[in-house]
């Protein structure tokens, strides 16, 4: 990969800045920073003067923006997170050589490096969210304040079954060592617990606040509002400027906002650092 050191340096520096804003600026990452990352990635690819090196990363970034927009509109991921993933697809189209080569395994298929970043950041977020919210939920369950819905219990059981089946197939095909089996099983269990208690976790993230405290791109819990009011004003979950104007017209004094939503950019940074040091986690799984 041409300009590898420059690409890595820009990616780490921008992610460090974005992490600072995500943690200490109420998850508001300046859009100028994400645009800078996108521009840097595009210009570096253009400087390679290689057609494939320009087209394929650009196609990956556009695909991320298209799919990510749908997730953004439903409040599943922040707009800055999507732009950062798209920028990383441009900046790091291929996997850099890791500092420590802990596995000699080879993957039968090659795929864009951004997939490794996305998957690993998701795994780190599962661990982080579990450590943050599960103790609170367990305490609330003991006090009888949180009830588990039938749909959540079914989804959790289905996840456990599917992952157990996949894990069995992987172990049969590759003979996974015990440490990797334990690590994967722990992640599966955490995922199942998060799904089981998703209603209680979501509830703990919501705060009823006045309109003056609402920020652009905050996410509102529409299920906490009167359905007739939601239908009348065609309210959407992500509060863009047009949506904020609608909220003003409702006449409500307070609104249920997800003020406790965890930041995600730090997990992207951790994932990139891990990959730069240890390499692809799939290769480590097969080590």
C-alpha atoms as a PDB file:
ATOM      1  CA  UNK A   1       0.000   0.000   0.000  1.00  0.00           C
ATOM      2  CA  UNK A   2       1.530   3.303  -1.112  1.00  0.00           C
ATOM      3  CA  UNK A   3       2.007   6.099   1.466  1.00  0.00           C
ATOM      4  CA  UNK A   4       1.278   3.594   4.239  1.00  0.00           C
ATOM      5  CA  UNK A   5       2.987   5.529   7.044  1.00  0.00           C
ATOM      6  CA  UNK A   6       1.199   8.753   6.057  1.00  0.00           C
ATOM      7  CA  UNK A   7      -2.150   6.959   5.857  1.00  0.00           C
ATOM      8  CA  UNK A   8      -1.712   5.393   9.297  1.00  0.00           C
ATOM      9  CA  UNK A   9      -0.538   8.673  10.823  1.00  0.00           C
ATOM     10  CA  UNK A  10      -3.511  10.642   9.475  1.00  0.00           C
ATOM     11  CA  UNK A  11      -5.963   7.929  10.551  1.00  0.00           C
ATOM     12  CA  UNK A  12      -4.633   7.739  14.114  1.00  0.00           C
ATOM     13  CA  UNK A  13      -4.332  11.511  14.549  1.00  0.00           C
ATOM     14  CA  UNK A  14      -7.868  12.178  13.298  1.00  0.00           C
ATOM     15  CA  UNK A  15      -9.332   9.327  15.326  1.00  0.00           C
ATOM     16  CA  UNK A  16      -7.656  10.638  18.465  1.00  0.00           C
ATOM     17  CA  UNK A  17      -9.234  14.052  17.885  1.00  0.00           C
ATOM     18  CA  UNK A  18     -12.610  12.509  17.076  1.00  0.00           C
ATOM     19  CA  UNK A  19     -12.421  10.377  20.239  1.00  0.00           C
ATOM     20  CA  UNK A  20     -11.782  13.492  22.327  1.00  0.00           C
ATOM     21  CA  UNK A  21     -14.866  15.209  20.898  1.00  0.00           C
ATOM     22  CA  UNK A  22     -16.969  12.057  21.187  1.00  0.00           C
ATOM     23  CA  UNK A  23     -16.106  11.668  24.877  1.00  0.00           C
ATOM     24  CA  UNK A  24     -16.008  15.271  26.056  1.00  0.00           C
ATOM     25  CA  UNK A  25     -18.257  17.160  23.632  1.00  0.00           C
ATOM     26  CA  UNK A  26     -21.520  15.215  24.074  1.00  0.00           C
ATOM     27  CA  UNK A  27     -20.740  12.948  21.113  1.00  0.00           C
ATOM     28  CA  UNK A  28     -20.534  15.933  18.776  1.00  0.00           C
ATOM     29  CA  UNK A  29     -17.618  15.314  16.414  1.00  0.00           C
ATOM     30  CA  UNK A  30     -16.959  18.342  14.164  1.00  0.00           C
ATOM     31  CA  UNK A  31     -18.052  17.509  10.636  1.00  0.00           C
ATOM     32  CA  UNK A  32     -14.988  19.391   9.341  1.00  0.00           C
ATOM     33  CA  UNK A  33     -12.776  16.695  10.887  1.00  0.00           C
ATOM     34  CA  UNK A  34     -14.583  13.880   9.105  1.00  0.00           C
ATOM     35  CA  UNK A  35     -14.507  15.811   5.816  1.00  0.00           C
ATOM     36  CA  UNK A  36     -10.753  16.276   6.291  1.00  0.00           C
ATOM     37  CA  UNK A  37     -10.324  12.506   6.666  1.00  0.00           C
ATOM     38  CA  UNK A  38     -12.413  11.856   3.547  1.00  0.00           C
ATOM     39  CA  UNK A  39     -10.457  14.407   1.510  1.00  0.00           C
ATOM     40  CA  UNK A  40      -7.094  13.072   2.709  1.00  0.00           C
ATOM     41  CA  UNK A  41      -8.032   9.505   1.798  1.00  0.00           C
ATOM     42  CA  UNK A  42      -9.302  10.473  -1.657  1.00  0.00           C
ATOM     43  CA  UNK A  43      -6.223  12.597  -2.455  1.00  0.00           C
ATOM     44  CA  UNK A  44      -3.804   9.886  -1.299  1.00  0.00           C
ATOM     45  CA  UNK A  45      -5.566   7.336  -3.504  1.00  0.00           C
ATOM     46  CA  UNK A  46      -5.537   9.780  -6.402  1.00  0.00           C
ATOM     47  CA  UNK A  47      -1.783  10.260  -5.915  1.00  0.00           C
ATOM     48  CA  UNK A  48      -1.172   6.545  -6.488  1.00  0.00           C
ATOM     49  CA  UNK A  49      -2.165   7.022 -10.150  1.00  0.00           C
ATOM     50  CA  UNK A  50      -3.578   3.503  -9.982  1.00  0.00           C
ATOM     51  CA  UNK A  51      -7.102   2.991 -11.343  1.00  0.00           C
ATOM     52  CA  UNK A  52      -7.962   0.100  -9.025  1.00  0.00           C
ATOM     53  CA  UNK A  53      -6.445   1.942  -6.070  1.00  0.00           C
ATOM     54  CA  UNK A  54      -8.819   4.832  -6.712  1.00  0.00           C
ATOM     55  CA  UNK A  55     -12.047   3.076  -7.769  1.00  0.00           C
ATOM     56  CA  UNK A  56     -12.269   0.204  -5.264  1.00  0.00           C
ATOM     57  CA  UNK A  57     -11.765   2.270  -2.086  1.00  0.00           C
ATOM     58  CA  UNK A  58     -14.182   4.898  -3.421  1.00  0.00           C
ATOM     59  CA  UNK A  59     -16.789   2.193  -4.087  1.00  0.00           C
ATOM     60  CA  UNK A  60     -16.340   0.822  -0.559  1.00  0.00           C
ATOM     61  CA  UNK A  61     -16.729   4.307   0.939  1.00  0.00           C
ATOM     62  CA  UNK A  62     -19.882   4.988  -1.085  1.00  0.00           C
ATOM     63  CA  UNK A  63     -21.364   1.640  -0.014  1.00  0.00           C
ATOM     64  CA  UNK A  64     -20.679   2.511   3.641  1.00  0.00           C
ATOM     65  CA  UNK A  65     -22.333   5.910   3.226  1.00  0.00           C
ATOM     66  CA  UNK A  66     -25.390   4.386   1.541  1.00  0.00           C
ATOM     67  CA  UNK A  67     -25.951   1.585   4.056  1.00  0.00           C
ATOM     68  CA  UNK A  68     -24.879   3.725   7.001  1.00  0.00           C
ATOM     69  CA  UNK A  69     -27.396   6.433   6.125  1.00  0.00           C
ATOM     70  CA  UNK A  70     -30.241   3.983   6.652  1.00  0.00           C
ATOM     71  CA  UNK A  71     -28.859   3.045  10.079  1.00  0.00           C
ATOM     72  CA  UNK A  72     -28.367   6.731  10.881  1.00  0.00           C
ATOM     73  CA  UNK A  73     -31.985   7.615  10.051  1.00  0.00           C
ATOM     74  CA  UNK A  74     -33.194   4.972  12.513  1.00  0.00           C
ATOM     75  CA  UNK A  75     -30.889   6.206  15.264  1.00  0.00           C
ATOM     76  CA  UNK A  76     -28.695   3.093  15.268  1.00  0.00           C
ATOM     77  CA  UNK A  77     -25.419   4.904  14.594  1.00  0.00           C
ATOM     78  CA  UNK A  78     -24.209   8.489  14.582  1.00  0.00           C
ATOM     79  CA  UNK A  79     -23.609  10.440  11.416  1.00  0.00           C
ATOM     80  CA  UNK A  80     -19.977  11.091  12.387  1.00  0.00           C
ATOM     81  CA  UNK A  81     -19.393   7.356  12.887  1.00  0.00           C
ATOM     82  CA  UNK A  82     -20.547   6.644   9.333  1.00  0.00           C
ATOM     83  CA  UNK A  83     -18.320   9.347   7.848  1.00  0.00           C
ATOM     84  CA  UNK A  84     -15.342   8.047   9.842  1.00  0.00           C
ATOM     85  CA  UNK A  85     -15.851   4.487   8.558  1.00  0.00           C
ATOM     86  CA  UNK A  86     -16.116   5.797   4.992  1.00  0.00           C
ATOM     87  CA  UNK A  87     -12.967   7.884   5.463  1.00  0.00           C
ATOM     88  CA  UNK A  88     -11.043   4.899   6.841  1.00  0.00           C
ATOM     89  CA  UNK A  89     -12.128   2.863   3.817  1.00  0.00           C
ATOM     90  CA  UNK A  90     -10.351   5.495   1.691  1.00  0.00           C
ATOM     91  CA  UNK A  91      -7.352   6.025   3.955  1.00  0.00           C
ATOM     92  CA  UNK A  92      -6.641   2.338   4.609  1.00  0.00           C
ATOM     93  CA  UNK A  93      -7.940   0.329   1.649  1.00  0.00           C
ATOM     94  CA  UNK A  94      -5.569  -2.539   2.488  1.00  0.00           C
ATOM     95  CA  UNK A  95      -4.458  -4.066   5.760  1.00  0.00           C
ATOM     96  CA  UNK A  96      -1.108  -2.607   6.901  1.00  0.00           C
ATOM     97  CA  UNK A  97       1.529  -5.031   8.131  1.00  0.00           C
ATOM     98  CA  UNK A  98       1.007  -5.609  11.843  1.00  0.00           C
ATOM     99  CA  UNK A  99       3.821  -4.993  14.331  1.00  0.00           C
ATOM    100  CA  UNK A 100       3.435  -8.441  15.891  1.00  0.00           C
ATOM    101  CA  UNK A 101       2.793 -11.457  13.686  1.00  0.00           C
ATOM    102  CA  UNK A 102       1.026 -13.817  16.083  1.00  0.00           C
ATOM    103  CA  UNK A 103      -0.426 -16.070  13.412  1.00  0.00           C
ATOM    104  CA  UNK A 104       0.925 -17.674  10.253  1.00  0.00           C
ATOM    105  CA  UNK A 105      -2.582 -18.578   9.060  1.00  0.00           C
ATOM    106  CA  UNK A 106      -3.748 -17.374   5.655  1.00  0.00           C
ATOM    107  CA  UNK A 107      -7.289 -16.383   4.795  1.00  0.00           C
ATOM    108  CA  UNK A 108      -8.763 -18.037   1.663  1.00  0.00           C
ATOM    109  CA  UNK A 109     -10.473 -14.757   0.706  1.00  0.00           C
ATOM    110  CA  UNK A 110      -9.253 -11.175   0.809  1.00  0.00           C
ATOM    111  CA  UNK A 111     -11.566  -8.345   1.842  1.00  0.00           C
ATOM    112  CA  UNK A 112     -11.297  -4.583   2.491  1.00  0.00           C
ATOM    113  CA  UNK A 113      -9.500  -3.653   5.698  1.00  0.00           C
ATOM    114  CA  UNK A 114     -12.490  -1.564   6.788  1.00  0.00           C
ATOM    115  CA  UNK A 115     -14.430  -4.801   7.400  1.00  0.00           C
ATOM    116  CA  UNK A 116     -11.868  -5.830  10.022  1.00  0.00           C
ATOM    117  CA  UNK A 117     -12.095  -2.377  11.643  1.00  0.00           C
ATOM    118  CA  UNK A 118     -15.900  -2.469  11.648  1.00  0.00           C
ATOM    119  CA  UNK A 119     -16.166  -5.992  13.091  1.00  0.00           C
ATOM    120  CA  UNK A 120     -13.538  -5.454  15.778  1.00  0.00           C
ATOM    121  CA  UNK A 121     -14.921  -2.065  16.854  1.00  0.00           C
ATOM    122  CA  UNK A 122     -18.312  -3.736  17.174  1.00  0.00           C
ATOM    123  CA  UNK A 123     -16.852  -6.467  19.387  1.00  0.00           C
ATOM    124  CA  UNK A 124     -15.108  -3.882  21.566  1.00  0.00           C
ATOM    125  CA  UNK A 125     -18.372  -1.950  21.868  1.00  0.00           C
ATOM    126  CA  UNK A 126     -20.159  -5.106  23.059  1.00  0.00           C
ATOM    127  CA  UNK A 127     -17.592  -5.475  25.822  1.00  0.00           C
ATOM    128  CA  UNK A 128     -17.713  -1.772  26.739  1.00  0.00           C
ATOM    129  CA  UNK A 129     -21.511  -1.537  26.778  1.00  0.00           C
ATOM    130  CA  UNK A 130     -21.746  -4.752  28.798  1.00  0.00           C
ATOM    131  CA  UNK A 131     -19.337  -3.468  31.441  1.00  0.00           C
ATOM    132  CA  UNK A 132     -21.203  -0.159  31.616  1.00  0.00           C
ATOM    133  CA  UNK A 133     -24.849  -1.179  31.591  1.00  0.00           C
ATOM    134  CA  UNK A 134     -25.245  -4.835  32.594  1.00  0.00           C
ATOM    135  CA  UNK A 135     -24.332  -4.241  36.282  1.00  0.00           C
ATOM    136  CA  UNK A 136     -27.003  -1.508  36.450  1.00  0.00           C
ATOM    137  CA  UNK A 137     -29.579  -3.726  34.770  1.00  0.00           C
ATOM    138  CA  UNK A 138     -28.816  -6.688  37.042  1.00  0.00           C
ATOM    139  CA  UNK A 139     -29.319  -4.416  40.070  1.00  0.00           C
ATOM    140  CA  UNK A 140     -32.618  -3.183  38.640  1.00  0.00           C
ATOM    141  CA  UNK A 141     -33.749  -6.761  37.933  1.00  0.00           C
ATOM    142  CA  UNK A 142     -33.088  -7.768  41.534  1.00  0.00           C
ATOM    143  CA  UNK A 143     -35.290  -4.857  42.666  1.00  0.00           C
ATOM    144  CA  UNK A 144     -38.031  -5.854  40.239  1.00  0.00           C
ATOM    145  CA  UNK A 145     -37.713  -2.641  38.216  1.00  0.00           C
ATOM    146  CA  UNK A 146     -36.826  -4.366  34.933  1.00  0.00           C
ATOM    147  CA  UNK A 147     -38.893  -7.037  33.213  1.00  0.00           C
ATOM    148  CA  UNK A 148     -37.767  -9.171  30.289  1.00  0.00           C
ATOM    149  CA  UNK A 149     -40.142  -9.257  27.332  1.00  0.00           C
ATOM    150  CA  UNK A 150     -40.937 -12.487  25.520  1.00  0.00           C
ATOM    151  CA  UNK A 151     -39.534 -11.153  22.238  1.00  0.00           C
ATOM    152  CA  UNK A 152     -36.233 -10.242  23.897  1.00  0.00           C
ATOM    153  CA  UNK A 153     -35.977 -13.679  25.507  1.00  0.00           C
ATOM    154  CA  UNK A 154     -36.689 -15.382  22.167  1.00  0.00           C
ATOM    155  CA  UNK A 155     -34.134 -13.215  20.307  1.00  0.00           C
ATOM    156  CA  UNK A 156     -31.511 -13.878  22.971  1.00  0.00           C
ATOM    157  CA  UNK A 157     -32.090 -17.632  22.827  1.00  0.00           C
ATOM    158  CA  UNK A 158     -31.962 -17.555  19.014  1.00  0.00           C
ATOM    159  CA  UNK A 159     -28.651 -15.677  19.093  1.00  0.00           C
ATOM    160  CA  UNK A 160     -27.189 -18.219  21.523  1.00  0.00           C
ATOM    161  CA  UNK A 161     -28.329 -21.123  19.368  1.00  0.00           C
ATOM    162  CA  UNK A 162     -27.030 -19.641  16.091  1.00  0.00           C
ATOM    163  CA  UNK A 163     -23.652 -18.674  17.551  1.00  0.00           C
ATOM    164  CA  UNK A 164     -23.294 -22.065  19.217  1.00  0.00           C
ATOM    165  CA  UNK A 165     -23.967 -23.721  15.850  1.00  0.00           C
ATOM    166  CA  UNK A 166     -21.422 -21.499  14.067  1.00  0.00           C
ATOM    167  CA  UNK A 167     -18.869 -22.083  16.812  1.00  0.00           C
ATOM    168  CA  UNK A 168     -19.370 -25.839  16.531  1.00  0.00           C
ATOM    169  CA  UNK A 169     -18.874 -25.688  12.753  1.00  0.00           C
ATOM    170  CA  UNK A 170     -15.710 -23.587  13.098  1.00  0.00           C
ATOM    171  CA  UNK A 171     -14.313 -25.924  15.712  1.00  0.00           C
ATOM    172  CA  UNK A 172     -15.093 -28.927  13.514  1.00  0.00           C
ATOM    173  CA  UNK A 173     -13.457 -27.333  10.475  1.00  0.00           C
ATOM    174  CA  UNK A 174     -10.412 -25.727  12.079  1.00  0.00           C
ATOM    175  CA  UNK A 175     -10.068 -27.253  15.533  1.00  0.00           C
ATOM    176  CA  UNK A 176     -10.117 -23.973  17.468  1.00  0.00           C
ATOM    177  CA  UNK A 177      -7.803 -23.869  20.516  1.00  0.00           C
ATOM    178  CA  UNK A 178      -9.378 -23.557  23.978  1.00  0.00           C
ATOM    179  CA  UNK A 179      -8.447 -19.853  24.578  1.00  0.00           C
ATOM    180  CA  UNK A 180     -10.125 -18.788  21.332  1.00  0.00           C
ATOM    181  CA  UNK A 181     -13.182 -20.915  22.121  1.00  0.00           C
ATOM    182  CA  UNK A 182     -13.525 -19.292  25.540  1.00  0.00           C
ATOM    183  CA  UNK A 183     -13.105 -15.774  24.106  1.00  0.00           C
ATOM    184  CA  UNK A 184     -15.740 -16.304  21.417  1.00  0.00           C
ATOM    185  CA  UNK A 185     -18.139 -17.958  23.884  1.00  0.00           C
ATOM    186  CA  UNK A 186     -17.773 -14.989  26.265  1.00  0.00           C
ATOM    187  CA  UNK A 187     -18.600 -12.520  23.471  1.00  0.00           C
ATOM    188  CA  UNK A 188     -21.606 -14.602  22.459  1.00  0.00           C
ATOM    189  CA  UNK A 189     -22.866 -14.656  26.042  1.00  0.00           C
ATOM    190  CA  UNK A 190     -22.464 -10.876  26.398  1.00  0.00           C
ATOM    191  CA  UNK A 191     -24.331 -10.331  23.116  1.00  0.00           C
ATOM    192  CA  UNK A 192     -27.181 -12.552  24.282  1.00  0.00           C
ATOM    193  CA  UNK A 193     -27.392 -10.709  27.619  1.00  0.00           C
ATOM    194  CA  UNK A 194     -27.473  -7.311  25.890  1.00  0.00           C
ATOM    195  CA  UNK A 195     -30.349  -8.481  23.698  1.00  0.00           C
ATOM    196  CA  UNK A 196     -32.152 -10.047  26.669  1.00  0.00           C
ATOM    197  CA  UNK A 197     -32.044  -6.810  28.665  1.00  0.00           C
ATOM    198  CA  UNK A 198     -32.157  -4.363  25.748  1.00  0.00           C
ATOM    199  CA  UNK A 199     -35.365  -2.732  27.013  1.00  0.00           C
ATOM    200  CA  UNK A 200     -33.880  -2.062  30.439  1.00  0.00           C
ATOM    201  CA  UNK A 201     -30.627  -0.794  28.927  1.00  0.00           C
ATOM    202  CA  UNK A 202     -32.497   1.546  26.564  1.00  0.00           C
ATOM    203  CA  UNK A 203     -34.606   2.810  29.453  1.00  0.00           C
ATOM    204  CA  UNK A 204     -31.488   3.695  31.448  1.00  0.00           C
ATOM    205  CA  UNK A 205     -30.208   5.812  28.541  1.00  0.00           C
ATOM    206  CA  UNK A 206     -33.330   8.009  28.362  1.00  0.00           C
ATOM    207  CA  UNK A 207     -33.679  11.347  30.128  1.00  0.00           C
ATOM    208  CA  UNK A 208     -36.626  13.744  29.955  1.00  0.00           C
ATOM    209  CA  UNK A 209     -35.097  17.130  29.209  1.00  0.00           C
ATOM    210  CA  UNK A 210     -36.362  20.575  28.094  1.00  0.00           C
ATOM    211  CA  UNK A 211     -36.078  21.660  24.494  1.00  0.00           C
ATOM    212  CA  UNK A 212     -33.229  24.068  25.348  1.00  0.00           C
ATOM    213  CA  UNK A 213     -30.951  21.126  26.223  1.00  0.00           C
ATOM    214  CA  UNK A 214     -31.575  19.174  23.025  1.00  0.00           C
ATOM    215  CA  UNK A 215     -28.723  19.133  20.500  1.00  0.00           C
ATOM    216  CA  UNK A 216     -28.794  18.633  16.765  1.00  0.00           C
ATOM    217  CA  UNK A 217     -28.729  14.888  15.882  1.00  0.00           C
ATOM    218  CA  UNK A 218     -29.865  13.801  19.334  1.00  0.00           C
ATOM    219  CA  UNK A 219     -32.057  10.685  19.287  1.00  0.00           C
ATOM    220  CA  UNK A 220     -35.560  10.808  20.752  1.00  0.00           C
ATOM    221  CA  UNK A 221     -37.462   7.829  22.223  1.00  0.00           C
ATOM    222  CA  UNK A 222     -40.619   8.080  20.121  1.00  0.00           C
ATOM    223  CA  UNK A 223     -42.254   5.157  21.940  1.00  0.00           C
ATOM    224  CA  UNK A 224     -42.376   7.320  25.092  1.00  0.00           C
ATOM    225  CA  UNK A 225     -44.496   9.973  23.380  1.00  0.00           C
ATOM    226  CA  UNK A 226     -48.193   9.951  22.584  1.00  0.00           C
ATOM    227  CA  UNK A 227     -48.541   7.968  19.305  1.00  0.00           C
ATOM    228  CA  UNK A 228     -51.108  10.474  18.033  1.00  0.00           C
ATOM    229  CA  UNK A 229     -48.600  13.292  18.555  1.00  0.00           C
ATOM    230  CA  UNK A 230     -45.876  11.347  16.743  1.00  0.00           C
ATOM    231  CA  UNK A 231     -48.200  10.676  13.827  1.00  0.00           C
ATOM    232  CA  UNK A 232     -49.536  14.237  13.689  1.00  0.00           C
ATOM    233  CA  UNK A 233     -46.076  15.802  13.315  1.00  0.00           C
ATOM    234  CA  UNK A 234     -44.437  12.826  11.523  1.00  0.00           C
ATOM    235  CA  UNK A 235     -41.643  12.818  14.085  1.00  0.00           C
ATOM    236  CA  UNK A 236     -38.418  10.948  13.300  1.00  0.00           C
ATOM    237  CA  UNK A 237     -35.916   9.463  15.764  1.00  0.00           C
ATOM    238  CA  UNK A 238     -32.887  11.529  14.700  1.00  0.00           C
ATOM    239  CA  UNK A 239     -33.426  15.208  15.536  1.00  0.00           C
ATOM    240  CA  UNK A 240     -32.147  17.120  12.550  1.00  0.00           C
ATOM    241  CA  UNK A 241     -33.011  20.862  12.275  1.00  0.00           C
ATOM    242  CA  UNK A 242     -36.370  20.155  10.551  1.00  0.00           C
ATOM    243  CA  UNK A 243     -37.254  17.661  13.296  1.00  0.00           C
ATOM    244  CA  UNK A 244     -36.308  20.158  16.003  1.00  0.00           C
ATOM    245  CA  UNK A 245     -38.681  22.653  14.415  1.00  0.00           C
ATOM    246  CA  UNK A 246     -41.455  20.055  14.639  1.00  0.00           C
ATOM    247  CA  UNK A 247     -40.726  19.457  18.333  1.00  0.00           C
ATOM    248  CA  UNK A 248     -41.228  23.148  19.044  1.00  0.00           C
ATOM    249  CA  UNK A 249     -44.729  22.953  17.585  1.00  0.00           C
ATOM    250  CA  UNK A 250     -45.781  20.078  19.873  1.00  0.00           C
ATOM    251  CA  UNK A 251     -46.035  22.329  22.911  1.00  0.00           C
ATOM    252  CA  UNK A 252     -44.386  19.752  25.180  1.00  0.00           C
ATOM    253  CA  UNK A 253     -42.109  21.067  27.917  1.00  0.00           C
ATOM    254  CA  UNK A 254     -39.846  18.002  28.131  1.00  0.00           C
ATOM    255  CA  UNK A 255     -38.830  15.261  25.718  1.00  0.00           C
ATOM    256  CA  UNK A 256     -37.433  11.707  26.170  1.00  0.00           C
ATOM    257  CA  UNK A 257     -33.904  11.905  24.734  1.00  0.00           C
ATOM    258  CA  UNK A 258     -31.249   9.188  24.651  1.00  0.00           C
ATOM    259  CA  UNK A 259     -28.682  11.269  26.537  1.00  0.00           C
ATOM    260  CA  UNK A 260     -26.882   8.162  27.808  1.00  0.00           C
ATOM    261  CA  UNK A 261     -26.015   6.639  24.450  1.00  0.00           C
ATOM    262  CA  UNK A 262     -22.407   5.402  24.606  1.00  0.00           C
ATOM    263  CA  UNK A 263     -19.772   6.978  22.333  1.00  0.00           C
ATOM    264  CA  UNK A 264     -18.584   4.724  19.519  1.00  0.00           C
ATOM    265  CA  UNK A 265     -15.513   6.473  18.084  1.00  0.00           C
ATOM    266  CA  UNK A 266     -13.247   5.296  20.960  1.00  0.00           C
ATOM    267  CA  UNK A 267     -14.001   1.709  19.959  1.00  0.00           C
ATOM    268  CA  UNK A 268     -13.026   2.463  16.354  1.00  0.00           C
ATOM    269  CA  UNK A 269      -9.721   3.877  17.617  1.00  0.00           C
ATOM    270  CA  UNK A 270      -9.110   0.835  19.835  1.00  0.00           C
ATOM    271  CA  UNK A 271      -9.912  -1.487  16.926  1.00  0.00           C
ATOM    272  CA  UNK A 272      -7.449   0.251  14.606  1.00  0.00           C
ATOM    273  CA  UNK A 273      -4.675   0.215  17.224  1.00  0.00           C
ATOM    274  CA  UNK A 274      -5.298  -3.489  17.918  1.00  0.00           C
ATOM    275  CA  UNK A 275      -5.197  -4.332  14.207  1.00  0.00           C
ATOM    276  CA  UNK A 276      -1.996  -2.345  13.670  1.00  0.00           C
ATOM    277  CA  UNK A 277      -0.306  -4.217  16.510  1.00  0.00           C
ATOM    278  CA  UNK A 278      -1.730  -7.744  16.371  1.00  0.00           C
ATOM    279  CA  UNK A 279      -3.288  -8.099  12.933  1.00  0.00           C
ATOM    280  CA  UNK A 280      -6.691  -9.413  11.860  1.00  0.00           C
ATOM    281  CA  UNK A 281      -8.620 -11.066  14.721  1.00  0.00           C
ATOM    282  CA  UNK A 282      -9.868 -13.800  12.349  1.00  0.00           C
ATOM    283  CA  UNK A 283      -6.258 -14.870  11.819  1.00  0.00           C
ATOM    284  CA  UNK A 284      -5.744 -14.835  15.594  1.00  0.00           C
ATOM    285  CA  UNK A 285      -8.827 -17.000  15.959  1.00  0.00           C
ATOM    286  CA  UNK A 286      -7.227 -19.575  13.672  1.00  0.00           C
ATOM    287  CA  UNK A 287      -3.775 -19.276  15.283  1.00  0.00           C
END
